[in-house]
C-alpha atoms as a PDB file:
ATOM      1  CA  MET A   1     105.257  69.836 123.344  1.00  0.00           C
ATOM      2  CA  SER A   2     106.445  73.947 122.388  1.00  0.00           C
ATOM      3  CA  LEU A   3     108.348  73.467 119.073  1.00  0.00           C
ATOM      4  CA  PRO A   4     111.997  75.900 119.540  1.00  0.00           C
ATOM      5  CA  HIS A   5     112.232  79.802 119.341  1.00  0.00           C
ATOM      6  CA  PRO A   6     115.069  81.249 119.175  1.00  0.00           C
ATOM      7  CA  VAL A   7     113.015  84.633 120.653  1.00  0.00           C
ATOM      8  CA  SER A   8     112.849  84.468 124.463  1.00  0.00           C
ATOM      9  CA  ALA A   9     109.271  84.124 124.919  1.00  0.00           C
ATOM     10  CA  PRO A  10     107.135  85.235 127.810  1.00  0.00           C
ATOM     11  CA  ILE A  11     105.254  82.572 129.719  1.00  0.00           C
ATOM     12  CA  VAL A  12     101.620  82.584 128.223  1.00  0.00           C
ATOM     13  CA  ARG A  13      98.762  80.974 129.644  1.00  0.00           C
ATOM     14  CA  VAL A  14      97.274  78.574 126.926  1.00  0.00           C
ATOM     15  CA  GLY A  15      94.067  80.264 125.284  1.00  0.00           C
ATOM     16  CA  SER A  16      94.661  83.460 127.558  1.00  0.00           C
ATOM     17  CA  VAL A  17      94.228  87.364 125.695  1.00  0.00           C
ATOM     18  CA  ALA A  18      98.086  87.626 125.643  1.00  0.00           C
ATOM     19  CA  ALA A  19      97.999  84.043 123.456  1.00  0.00           C
ATOM     20  CA  TRP A  20      95.476  85.388 121.074  1.00  0.00           C
ATOM     21  CA  LEU A  21      97.016  89.005 121.102  1.00  0.00           C
ATOM     22  CA  ALA A  22     100.572  87.249 119.833  1.00  0.00           C
ATOM     23  CA  ALA A  23      98.641  85.804 117.218  1.00  0.00           C
ATOM     24  CA  VAL A  24      96.546  88.961 115.949  1.00  0.00           C
ATOM     25  CA  ARG A  25      99.264  91.341 116.624  1.00  0.00           C
ATOM     26  CA  PRO A  26      97.523  94.592 117.212  1.00  0.00           C
ATOM     27  CA  ARG A  27     101.026  96.522 116.499  1.00  0.00           C
ATOM     28  CA  THR A  28     100.708  95.751 112.625  1.00  0.00           C
ATOM     29  CA  LEU A  29      97.352  96.884 112.530  1.00  0.00           C
ATOM     30  CA  PRO A  30      98.399 100.535 111.259  1.00  0.00           C
ATOM     31  CA  VAL A  31      98.665  98.709 107.937  1.00  0.00           C
ATOM     32  CA  ALA A  32      95.249  98.433 107.638  1.00  0.00           C
ATOM     33  CA  ILE A  33      94.539 101.763 109.144  1.00  0.00           C
ATOM     34  CA  SER A  34      96.888 104.548 107.331  1.00  0.00           C
ATOM     35  CA  PRO A  35      95.153 103.566 104.009  1.00  0.00           C
ATOM     36  CA  VAL A  36      91.420 104.074 104.796  1.00  0.00           C
ATOM     37  CA  LEU A  37      92.490 107.139 106.618  1.00  0.00           C
ATOM     38  CA  VAL A  38      93.773 108.869 103.432  1.00  0.00           C
ATOM     39  CA  GLY A  39      91.776 107.928 101.042  1.00  0.00           C
ATOM     40  CA  ALA A  40      88.902 108.885 103.416  1.00  0.00           C
ATOM     41  CA  ALA A  41      90.423 112.493 103.788  1.00  0.00           C
ATOM     42  CA  LEU A  42      91.312 112.611 100.258  1.00  0.00           C
ATOM     43  CA  GLY A  43      88.197 111.498  99.015  1.00  0.00           C
ATOM     44  CA  TRP A  44      86.570 114.364 101.140  1.00  0.00           C
ATOM     45  CA  GLN A  45      88.821 117.146 100.268  1.00  0.00           C
ATOM     46  CA  ARG A  46      87.825 116.305  96.774  1.00  0.00           C
ATOM     47  CA  THR A  47      83.983 116.157  97.239  1.00  0.00           C
ATOM     48  CA  GLY A  48      82.806 117.065 100.679  1.00  0.00           C
ATOM     49  CA  ALA A  49      81.330 114.015 100.785  1.00  0.00           C
ATOM     50  CA  LEU A  50      82.104 111.665 104.215  1.00  0.00           C
ATOM     51  CA  ASP A  51      79.355 109.435 105.408  1.00  0.00           C
ATOM     52  CA  LEU A  52      81.174 108.324 108.893  1.00  0.00           C
ATOM     53  CA  GLN A  53      78.798 104.916 109.022  1.00  0.00           C
ATOM     54  CA  VAL A  54      80.413 103.756 105.586  1.00  0.00           C
ATOM     55  CA  ALA A  55      84.231 105.376 106.634  1.00  0.00           C
ATOM     56  CA  ALA A  56      83.991 103.140 110.211  1.00  0.00           C
ATOM     57  CA  ILE A  57      83.119 100.146 108.291  1.00  0.00           C
ATOM     58  CA  ALA A  58      85.516 100.306 105.531  1.00  0.00           C
ATOM     59  CA  LEU A  59      87.919 100.684 108.287  1.00  0.00           C
ATOM     60  CA  ALA A  60      86.536  97.467 110.029  1.00  0.00           C
ATOM     61  CA  ALA A  61      86.985  95.702 107.139  1.00  0.00           C
ATOM     62  CA  SER A  62      90.254  96.628 106.657  1.00  0.00           C
ATOM     63  CA  LEU A  63      91.598  95.641 109.955  1.00  0.00           C
ATOM     64  CA  LEU A  64      89.623  92.118 109.822  1.00  0.00           C
ATOM     65  CA  MET A  65      91.893  91.786 106.820  1.00  0.00           C
ATOM     66  CA  GLN A  66      95.280  92.270 108.533  1.00  0.00           C
ATOM     67  CA  VAL A  67      94.062  90.645 111.450  1.00  0.00           C
ATOM     68  CA  VAL A  68      93.118  87.364 108.683  1.00  0.00           C
ATOM     69  CA  SER A  69      96.092  87.935 107.124  1.00  0.00           C
ATOM     70  CA  ASN A  70      97.966  87.482 110.171  1.00  0.00           C
ATOM     71  CA  LEU A  71      96.008  84.695 112.061  1.00  0.00           C
ATOM     72  CA  GLN A  72      96.727  82.775 109.087  1.00  0.00           C
ATOM     73  CA  ASN A  73     100.466  83.771 108.713  1.00  0.00           C
ATOM     74  CA  ASP A  74     100.556  82.164 112.620  1.00  0.00           C
ATOM     75  CA  VAL A  75      99.015  79.078 111.972  1.00  0.00           C
ATOM     76  CA  GLY A  76     100.512  78.258 108.680  1.00  0.00           C
ATOM     77  CA  TYR A  77     103.838  78.924 109.255  1.00  0.00           C
ATOM     78  CA  THR A  78     103.466  76.336 112.326  1.00  0.00           C
ATOM     79  CA  VAL A  79     101.484  73.412 110.402  1.00  0.00           C
ATOM     80  CA  ARG A  80     104.537  74.017 107.881  1.00  0.00           C
ATOM     81  CA  GLY A  81     107.172  73.060 110.364  1.00  0.00           C
ATOM     82  CA  ALA A  82     109.040  76.406 109.359  1.00  0.00           C
ATOM     83  CA  GLU A  83     109.619  76.977 112.786  1.00  0.00           C
ATOM     84  CA  ARG A  84     111.103  73.429 113.532  1.00  0.00           C
ATOM     85  CA  SER A  85     115.138  74.864 112.620  1.00  0.00           C
ATOM     86  CA  GLY A  86     114.369  76.955 115.681  1.00  0.00           C
ATOM     87  CA  THR A  87     117.261  79.615 113.655  1.00  0.00           C
ATOM     88  CA  ARG A  88     113.549  82.122 113.135  1.00  0.00           C
ATOM     89  CA  THR A  89     114.075  85.520 115.297  1.00  0.00           C
ATOM     90  CA  GLY A  90     111.114  86.938 114.464  1.00  0.00           C
ATOM     91  CA  LEU A  91     108.244  87.100 116.900  1.00  0.00           C
ATOM     92  CA  PRO A  92     106.850  84.777 119.093  1.00  0.00           C
ATOM     93  CA  ARG A  93     103.961  82.431 117.093  1.00  0.00           C
ATOM     94  CA  ALA A  94     101.401  81.674 119.057  1.00  0.00           C
ATOM     95  CA  THR A  95     100.308  78.116 117.627  1.00  0.00           C
ATOM     96  CA  ALA A  96     104.178  77.385 117.249  1.00  0.00           C
ATOM     97  CA  LEU A  97     104.696  77.641 120.978  1.00  0.00           C
ATOM     98  CA  GLY A  98     101.773  75.781 121.849  1.00  0.00           C
ATOM     99  CA  TRP A  99      99.745  78.949 123.185  1.00  0.00           C
ATOM    100  CA  LEU A 100      96.677  78.062 121.013  1.00  0.00           C
ATOM    101  CA  GLN A 101      95.610  75.588 119.455  1.00  0.00           C
ATOM    102  CA  VAL A 102      95.579  75.271 115.611  1.00  0.00           C
ATOM    103  CA  HIS A 103      92.077  74.684 115.040  1.00  0.00           C
ATOM    104  CA  TRP A 104      91.359  77.304 117.633  1.00  0.00           C
ATOM    105  CA  VAL A 105      92.815  79.513 115.419  1.00  0.00           C
ATOM    106  CA  ARG A 106      91.278  78.372 111.622  1.00  0.00           C
ATOM    107  CA  TRP A 107      88.209  79.025 113.678  1.00  0.00           C
ATOM    108  CA  ALA A 108      88.995  82.562 114.374  1.00  0.00           C
ATOM    109  CA  ILE A 109      90.077  83.338 111.066  1.00  0.00           C
ATOM    110  CA  VAL A 110      86.490  81.599 109.653  1.00  0.00           C
ATOM    111  CA  ALA A 111      84.594  84.104 112.212  1.00  0.00           C
ATOM    112  CA  CYS A 112      87.053  87.029 110.972  1.00  0.00           C
ATOM    113  CA  SER A 113      86.186  86.102 107.029  1.00  0.00           C
ATOM    114  CA  VAL A 114      82.348  85.842 107.816  1.00  0.00           C
ATOM    115  CA  VAL A 115      82.059  89.280 110.011  1.00  0.00           C
ATOM    116  CA  ALA A 116      84.519  91.103 107.063  1.00  0.00           C
ATOM    117  CA  THR A 117      82.157  89.117 103.912  1.00  0.00           C
ATOM    118  CA  LEU A 118      78.992  91.070 105.832  1.00  0.00           C
ATOM    119  CA  LEU A 119      80.494  93.967 106.037  1.00  0.00           C
ATOM    120  CA  GLY A 120      81.197  93.738 102.805  1.00  0.00           C
ATOM    121  CA  LEU A 121      78.286  92.858 101.525  1.00  0.00           C
ATOM    122  CA  TRP A 122      77.023  96.063 103.567  1.00  0.00           C
ATOM    123  CA  LEU A 123      79.099  98.333 100.894  1.00  0.00           C
ATOM    124  CA  VAL A 124      78.058  96.282  97.892  1.00  0.00           C
ATOM    125  CA  ALA A 125      74.505  97.377  98.396  1.00  0.00           C
ATOM    126  CA  LEU A 126      75.473 100.907  98.290  1.00  0.00           C
ATOM    127  CA  ARG A 127      78.249 100.767  95.445  1.00  0.00           C
ATOM    128  CA  GLY A 128      77.647  97.320  93.813  1.00  0.00           C
ATOM    129  CA  TRP A 129      79.675  94.740  91.932  1.00  0.00           C
ATOM    130  CA  PRO A 130      82.798  96.076  92.563  1.00  0.00           C
ATOM    131  CA  VAL A 131      83.073  96.166  95.785  1.00  0.00           C
ATOM    132  CA  LEU A 132      82.049  92.857  95.636  1.00  0.00           C
ATOM    133  CA  ALA A 133      85.025  92.074  93.410  1.00  0.00           C
ATOM    134  CA  ILE A 134      87.549  93.902  95.886  1.00  0.00           C
ATOM    135  CA  GLY A 135      86.042  92.276  99.026  1.00  0.00           C
ATOM    136  CA  ILE A 136      86.859  88.983  97.380  1.00  0.00           C
ATOM    137  CA  GLY A 137      90.258  89.687  95.895  1.00  0.00           C
ATOM    138  CA  SER A 138      91.443  91.057  99.287  1.00  0.00           C
ATOM    139  CA  LEU A 139      90.183  88.354 101.654  1.00  0.00           C
ATOM    140  CA  ALA A 140      91.890  85.968  98.892  1.00  0.00           C
ATOM    141  CA  ALA A 141      95.190  87.700  99.559  1.00  0.00           C
ATOM    142  CA  ALA A 142      94.834  87.322 102.678  1.00  0.00           C
ATOM    143  CA  LEU A 143      93.991  83.844 103.468  1.00  0.00           C
ATOM    144  CA  ALA A 144      96.765  82.831 100.749  1.00  0.00           C
ATOM    145  CA  TYR A 145      99.276  84.928 101.874  1.00  0.00           C
ATOM    146  CA  MET A 146     100.353  81.680 103.965  1.00  0.00           C
ATOM    147  CA  GLY A 147      97.642  79.639 102.980  1.00  0.00           C
ATOM    148  CA  GLY A 148      97.304  77.107  99.781  1.00  0.00           C
ATOM    149  CA  PRO A 149      99.964  74.710  98.452  1.00  0.00           C
ATOM    150  CA  ARG A 150     101.804  77.600  97.133  1.00  0.00           C
ATOM    151  CA  PRO A 151     101.560  80.857  99.578  1.00  0.00           C
ATOM    152  CA  ILE A 152     102.381  83.979  98.344  1.00  0.00           C
ATOM    153  CA  ALA A 153     104.690  84.669 101.740  1.00  0.00           C
ATOM    154  CA  TYR A 154     106.909  81.512 100.125  1.00  0.00           C
ATOM    155  CA  THR A 155     107.632  83.809  97.161  1.00  0.00           C
ATOM    156  CA  PRO A 156     109.446  87.028  95.804  1.00  0.00           C
ATOM    157  CA  LEU A 157     105.962  88.792  95.881  1.00  0.00           C
ATOM    158  CA  GLY A 158     104.940  89.366  99.539  1.00  0.00           C
ATOM    159  CA  GLU A 159     105.768  92.925  99.554  1.00  0.00           C
ATOM    160  CA  TRP A 160     104.089  93.887  96.001  1.00  0.00           C
ATOM    161  CA  THR A 161     100.622  91.318  97.069  1.00  0.00           C
ATOM    162  CA  VAL A 162     100.770  94.254 100.544  1.00  0.00           C
ATOM    163  CA  PHE A 163     101.288  96.966  98.311  1.00  0.00           C
ATOM    164  CA  VAL A 164      98.605  96.326  95.983  1.00  0.00           C
ATOM    165  CA  PHE A 165      96.210  95.140  98.888  1.00  0.00           C
ATOM    166  CA  PHE A 166      96.988  97.548 101.205  1.00  0.00           C
ATOM    167  CA  GLY A 167      98.020 100.307  99.146  1.00  0.00           C
ATOM    168  CA  LEU A 168      96.361 100.526  96.114  1.00  0.00           C
ATOM    169  CA  VAL A 169      93.122  98.708  96.629  1.00  0.00           C
ATOM    170  CA  ALA A 170      92.320 100.180 100.318  1.00  0.00           C
ATOM    171  CA  VAL A 171      93.842 103.815  99.485  1.00  0.00           C
ATOM    172  CA  ILE A 172      91.135 104.100  95.905  1.00  0.00           C
ATOM    173  CA  GLY A 173      88.876 101.728  97.254  1.00  0.00           C
ATOM    174  CA  THR A 174      88.059 103.475 100.499  1.00  0.00           C
ATOM    175  CA  ASP A 175      87.847 107.147  98.473  1.00  0.00           C
ATOM    176  CA  TRP A 176      85.256 105.502  95.669  1.00  0.00           C
ATOM    177  CA  VAL A 177      82.963 103.848  98.403  1.00  0.00           C
ATOM    178  CA  LEU A 178      82.517 106.543 100.076  1.00  0.00           C
ATOM    179  CA  THR A 179      82.298 109.700  96.975  1.00  0.00           C
ATOM    180  CA  GLY A 180      81.237 107.174  93.979  1.00  0.00           C
ATOM    181  CA  SER A 181      84.859 108.063  92.435  1.00  0.00           C
ATOM    182  CA  ALA A 182      88.802 108.565  92.989  1.00  0.00           C
ATOM    183  CA  GLY A 183      90.869 111.541  92.254  1.00  0.00           C
ATOM    184  CA  ALA A 184      94.270 111.364  90.927  1.00  0.00           C
ATOM    185  CA  ALA A 185      95.647 112.746  94.023  1.00  0.00           C
ATOM    186  CA  THR A 186      93.806 109.420  95.827  1.00  0.00           C
ATOM    187  CA  VAL A 187      95.706 107.572  93.283  1.00  0.00           C
ATOM    188  CA  ALA A 188      98.973 108.908  93.465  1.00  0.00           C
ATOM    189  CA  ALA A 189      98.717 108.677  97.822  1.00  0.00           C
ATOM    190  CA  ALA A 190      97.326 105.310  97.306  1.00  0.00           C
ATOM    191  CA  VAL A 191     101.075 104.415  95.427  1.00  0.00           C
ATOM    192  CA  ALA A 192     103.102 105.595  98.383  1.00  0.00           C
ATOM    193  CA  ILE A 193     100.776 104.535 101.002  1.00  0.00           C
ATOM    194  CA  GLY A 194     101.968 101.143  99.541  1.00  0.00           C
ATOM    195  CA  GLY A 195     105.071 101.490  99.355  1.00  0.00           C
ATOM    196  CA  LEU A 196     105.331 102.121 103.192  1.00  0.00           C
ATOM    197  CA  ALA A 197     103.361  99.277 103.863  1.00  0.00           C
ATOM    198  CA  ALA A 198     105.379  97.112 101.554  1.00  0.00           C
ATOM    199  CA  ALA A 199     108.561  98.171 103.480  1.00  0.00           C
ATOM    200  CA  ALA A 200     107.346  97.012 106.622  1.00  0.00           C
ATOM    201  CA  LEU A 201     107.304  93.549 105.195  1.00  0.00           C
ATOM    202  CA  ALA A 202     110.786  94.119 103.715  1.00  0.00           C
ATOM    203  CA  VAL A 203     111.742  94.435 107.675  1.00  0.00           C
ATOM    204  CA  ASN A 204     110.375  90.887 108.206  1.00  0.00           C
ATOM    205  CA  ASN A 205     111.939  89.309 104.825  1.00  0.00           C
ATOM    206  CA  GLN A 206     115.705  91.167 105.842  1.00  0.00           C
ATOM    207  CA  ARG A 207     115.522  89.974 109.153  1.00  0.00           C
ATOM    208  CA  ASP A 208     114.612  86.475 108.458  1.00  0.00           C
ATOM    209  CA  VAL A 209     116.646  85.724 105.384  1.00  0.00           C
ATOM    210  CA  ALA A 210     118.737  83.031 106.133  1.00  0.00           C
ATOM    211  CA  HIS A 211     115.818  81.474 108.148  1.00  0.00           C
ATOM    212  CA  ASP A 212     113.705  81.530 105.031  1.00  0.00           C
ATOM    213  CA  ALA A 213     116.369  80.408 102.601  1.00  0.00           C
ATOM    214  CA  GLN A 214     116.781  76.989 105.099  1.00  0.00           C
ATOM    215  CA  VAL A 215     113.156  76.236 105.269  1.00  0.00           C
ATOM    216  CA  GLY A 216     112.369  76.732 101.509  1.00  0.00           C
ATOM    217  CA  ARG A 217     110.575  80.447 101.343  1.00  0.00           C
ATOM    218  CA  ARG A 218     111.624  82.214  98.439  1.00  0.00           C
ATOM    219  CA  THR A 219     111.316  85.493  99.528  1.00  0.00           C
ATOM    220  CA  PHE A 220     112.566  88.922  98.031  1.00  0.00           C
ATOM    221  CA  PRO A 221     116.021  88.860  99.836  1.00  0.00           C
ATOM    222  CA  VAL A 222     116.654  84.940  99.457  1.00  0.00           C
ATOM    223  CA  VAL A 223     115.628  85.040  95.720  1.00  0.00           C
ATOM    224  CA  PHE A 224     117.777  88.131  94.572  1.00  0.00           C
ATOM    225  CA  GLY A 225     120.060  88.575  97.914  1.00  0.00           C
ATOM    226  CA  ALA A 226     120.465  90.360 101.020  1.00  0.00           C
ATOM    227  CA  ALA A 227     121.963  93.909  99.077  1.00  0.00           C
ATOM    228  CA  ALA A 228     119.243  94.049  96.613  1.00  0.00           C
ATOM    229  CA  GLY A 229     116.993  93.167  99.959  1.00  0.00           C
ATOM    230  CA  ARG A 230     118.369  96.462 101.389  1.00  0.00           C
ATOM    231  CA  ARG A 231     117.908  98.908  98.512  1.00  0.00           C
ATOM    232  CA  HIS A 232     114.502  97.282  97.900  1.00  0.00           C
ATOM    233  CA  TYR A 233     113.959  98.405 101.626  1.00  0.00           C
ATOM    234  CA  GLY A 234     115.145 101.840 100.905  1.00  0.00           C
ATOM    235  CA  ALA A 235     113.354 102.545  97.711  1.00  0.00           C
ATOM    236  CA  LEU A 236     109.924 101.159  99.458  1.00  0.00           C
ATOM    237  CA  LEU A 237     110.614 103.422 102.483  1.00  0.00           C
ATOM    238  CA  LEU A 238     112.242 106.852 100.332  1.00  0.00           C
ATOM    239  CA  GLY A 239     109.957 106.330  97.325  1.00  0.00           C
ATOM    240  CA  PRO A 240     106.449 107.591  99.430  1.00  0.00           C
ATOM    241  CA  PHE A 241     108.443 111.111 100.040  1.00  0.00           C
ATOM    242  CA  ALA A 242     109.648 111.714  96.104  1.00  0.00           C
ATOM    243  CA  LEU A 243     106.115 110.933  95.321  1.00  0.00           C
ATOM    244  CA  THR A 244     104.373 113.528  97.744  1.00  0.00           C
ATOM    245  CA  PRO A 245     104.934 116.909  96.018  1.00  0.00           C
ATOM    246  CA  LEU A 246     102.798 114.849  93.250  1.00  0.00           C
ATOM    247  CA  VAL A 247     100.369 114.358  95.550  1.00  0.00           C
ATOM    248  CA  ALA A 248     100.102 117.972  96.574  1.00  0.00           C
ATOM    249  CA  TRP A 249      99.655 118.884  93.034  1.00  0.00           C
ATOM    250  CA  LEU A 250      97.470 116.771  91.974  1.00  0.00           C
ATOM    251  CA  GLY A 251      95.435 118.018  95.347  1.00  0.00           C
ATOM    252  CA  GLY A 252      95.603 121.438  94.753  1.00  0.00           C
ATOM    253  CA  SER A 253      97.289 122.022  98.237  1.00  0.00           C
ATOM    254  CA  LEU A 254     100.449 122.977  99.379  1.00  0.00           C
ATOM    255  CA  LEU A 255      99.289 121.267 102.860  1.00  0.00           C
ATOM    256  CA  LEU A 256      99.423 118.390 101.602  1.00  0.00           C
ATOM    257  CA  LEU A 257     103.131 118.915 101.661  1.00  0.00           C
ATOM    258  CA  LEU A 258     103.151 117.927 105.336  1.00  0.00           C
ATOM    259  CA  PRO A 259     103.968 114.855 105.093  1.00  0.00           C
ATOM    260  CA  LEU A 260     107.375 115.597 103.830  1.00  0.00           C
ATOM    261  CA  ALA A 261     108.371 116.599 107.365  1.00  0.00           C
ATOM    262  CA  LEU A 262     108.757 113.189 108.485  1.00  0.00           C
ATOM    263  CA  LEU A 263     111.623 112.735 105.665  1.00  0.00           C
ATOM    264  CA  PRO A 264     114.577 113.305 108.313  1.00  0.00           C
ATOM    265  CA  ALA A 265     112.889 109.955 110.550  1.00  0.00           C
ATOM    266  CA  ALA A 266     112.503 107.996 107.759  1.00  0.00           C
ATOM    267  CA  TRP A 267     116.436 108.615 106.086  1.00  0.00           C
ATOM    268  CA  ALA A 268     117.800 107.948 109.974  1.00  0.00           C
ATOM    269  CA  LEU A 269     114.788 105.092 109.463  1.00  0.00           C
ATOM    270  CA  ARG A 270     117.086 103.677 106.493  1.00  0.00           C
ATOM    271  CA  ARG A 271     120.406 104.188 107.850  1.00  0.00           C
ATOM    272  CA  ASP A 272     119.513 102.438 111.140  1.00  0.00           C
ATOM    273  CA  PHE A 273     118.107  99.682 108.835  1.00  0.00           C
ATOM    274  CA  LEU A 274     121.207  99.213 106.804  1.00  0.00           C
ATOM    275  CA  ARG A 275     123.549  99.036 109.534  1.00  0.00           C
ATOM    276  CA  CYS A 276     120.830  97.018 111.560  1.00  0.00           C
ATOM    277  CA  PRO A 277     122.549  93.474 112.488  1.00  0.00           C
ATOM    278  CA  PRO A 278     121.246  90.168 111.781  1.00  0.00           C
ATOM    279  CA  GLY A 279     118.735  88.781 113.850  1.00  0.00           C
ATOM    280  CA  ILE A 280     116.153  90.669 116.602  1.00  0.00           C
ATOM    281  CA  ALA A 281     117.437  94.027 116.111  1.00  0.00           C
ATOM    282  CA  PHE A 282     115.204  94.531 112.976  1.00  0.00           C
ATOM    283  CA  ASN A 283     111.647  94.153 115.332  1.00  0.00           C
ATOM    284  CA  ALA A 284     112.933  97.324 116.497  1.00  0.00           C
ATOM    285  CA  ILE A 285     113.072  98.621 113.041  1.00  0.00           C
ATOM    286  CA  LEU A 286     109.893  96.592 111.903  1.00  0.00           C
ATOM    287  CA  PHE A 287     108.045  98.694 114.601  1.00  0.00           C
ATOM    288  CA  ARG A 288     109.372 102.621 113.387  1.00  0.00           C
ATOM    289  CA  THR A 289     108.485 101.719 110.188  1.00  0.00           C
ATOM    290  CA  PHE A 290     104.541 100.130 111.021  1.00  0.00           C
ATOM    291  CA  ARG A 291     104.945 103.913 113.030  1.00  0.00           C
ATOM    292  CA  LEU A 292     106.247 106.089 109.780  1.00  0.00           C
ATOM    293  CA  GLU A 293     103.486 104.980 107.840  1.00  0.00           C
ATOM    294  CA  LEU A 294     100.734 105.460 110.169  1.00  0.00           C
ATOM    295  CA  LEU A 295     101.967 109.165 110.650  1.00  0.00           C
ATOM    296  CA  TYR A 296     102.523 109.734 107.098  1.00  0.00           C
ATOM    297  CA  ALA A 297      98.765 108.754 106.670  1.00  0.00           C
ATOM    298  CA  ALA A 298      97.671 111.111 109.543  1.00  0.00           C
ATOM    299  CA  LEU A 299      99.941 114.191 108.293  1.00  0.00           C
ATOM    300  CA  LEU A 300      98.720 113.761 104.725  1.00  0.00           C
ATOM    301  CA  ALA A 301      95.019 113.672 105.821  1.00  0.00           C
ATOM    302  CA  ALA A 302      95.432 116.505 108.125  1.00  0.00           C
ATOM    303  CA  GLY A 303      96.548 118.292 104.814  1.00  0.00           C
ATOM    304  CA  ALA A 304      93.514 117.436 103.151  1.00  0.00           C
ATOM    305  CA  VAL A 305      90.822 118.389 105.429  1.00  0.00           C
ATOM    306  CA  LEU A 306      93.007 121.522 106.458  1.00  0.00           C
ATOM    307  CA  GLY A 307      93.056 122.834 102.742  1.00  0.00           C
ATOM    308  CA  ARG A 308      89.565 122.197 102.212  1.00  0.00           C
ATOM    309  CA  LEU A 309      88.681 123.892 105.658  1.00  0.00           C
ATOM    310  CA  ALA A 310      91.344 126.563 104.661  1.00  0.00           C
ATOM    311  CA  GLY A 311      90.387 126.056 101.153  1.00  0.00           C
ATOM    312  CA  VAL A 312      94.243 126.371 100.054  1.00  0.00           C
END
């Protein structure tokens, strides 16, 4: 029997492609694509080194980490009974609605983890044990987000876990795997990308603050209050734009300022976030935040490529 869900869910056949897409959540994948794009572009700008095969492996591994996290989030939330209150306003969870069996999703998590590990071992053969440490840490964080006795998602550390692994680790790690080093501009850009990735999770947590408090999740806005959650989102969203001039200076190219063209859109997004009524309306803010991160990454990468090609 399906658990109640506040969102009017479509009719989805059990085990169908639509059911799996609901669990995988492809619209969240910009958080995995953006750091690899930026790390590869800045590494190439600095050194001229770009192995497309290695870059593709790094991208696949990053995507798999996000898929594992999404699947674990879906099944972990259901197993803990957090859907039973019927008050959550987030996107439909496939296992909670009976579209997928819990054991199916758990096997999918194992399969994705195995493939990610095999890809990681390929990169380890190129760059040695630091890649192994990065891979183990990333996979552990993806599984621990909604797994284990004390999931990260039940603490105020969710946004900062995303910041570390889909910002610092993914951007700097991509540059290092491709070039054997990491430039100062890459480090600054990693902070920017991590902030935007964390901002997306901040939208989730702000949307679900009442429900999360009811089911025992101690997210940032639950612990520190909804007003602090709004300020948190604003800082994560706009901080990367304040950091962009530093990225350009460290990278030695004015073309790295291209992401500043998105500042009006970011400001409007913050305004709409502050005005957003409680509940499902936050989902539109969430997807706009994902798009903003991907556009920021694309413009930063374009600036890096054009800067090297033009010598400016």
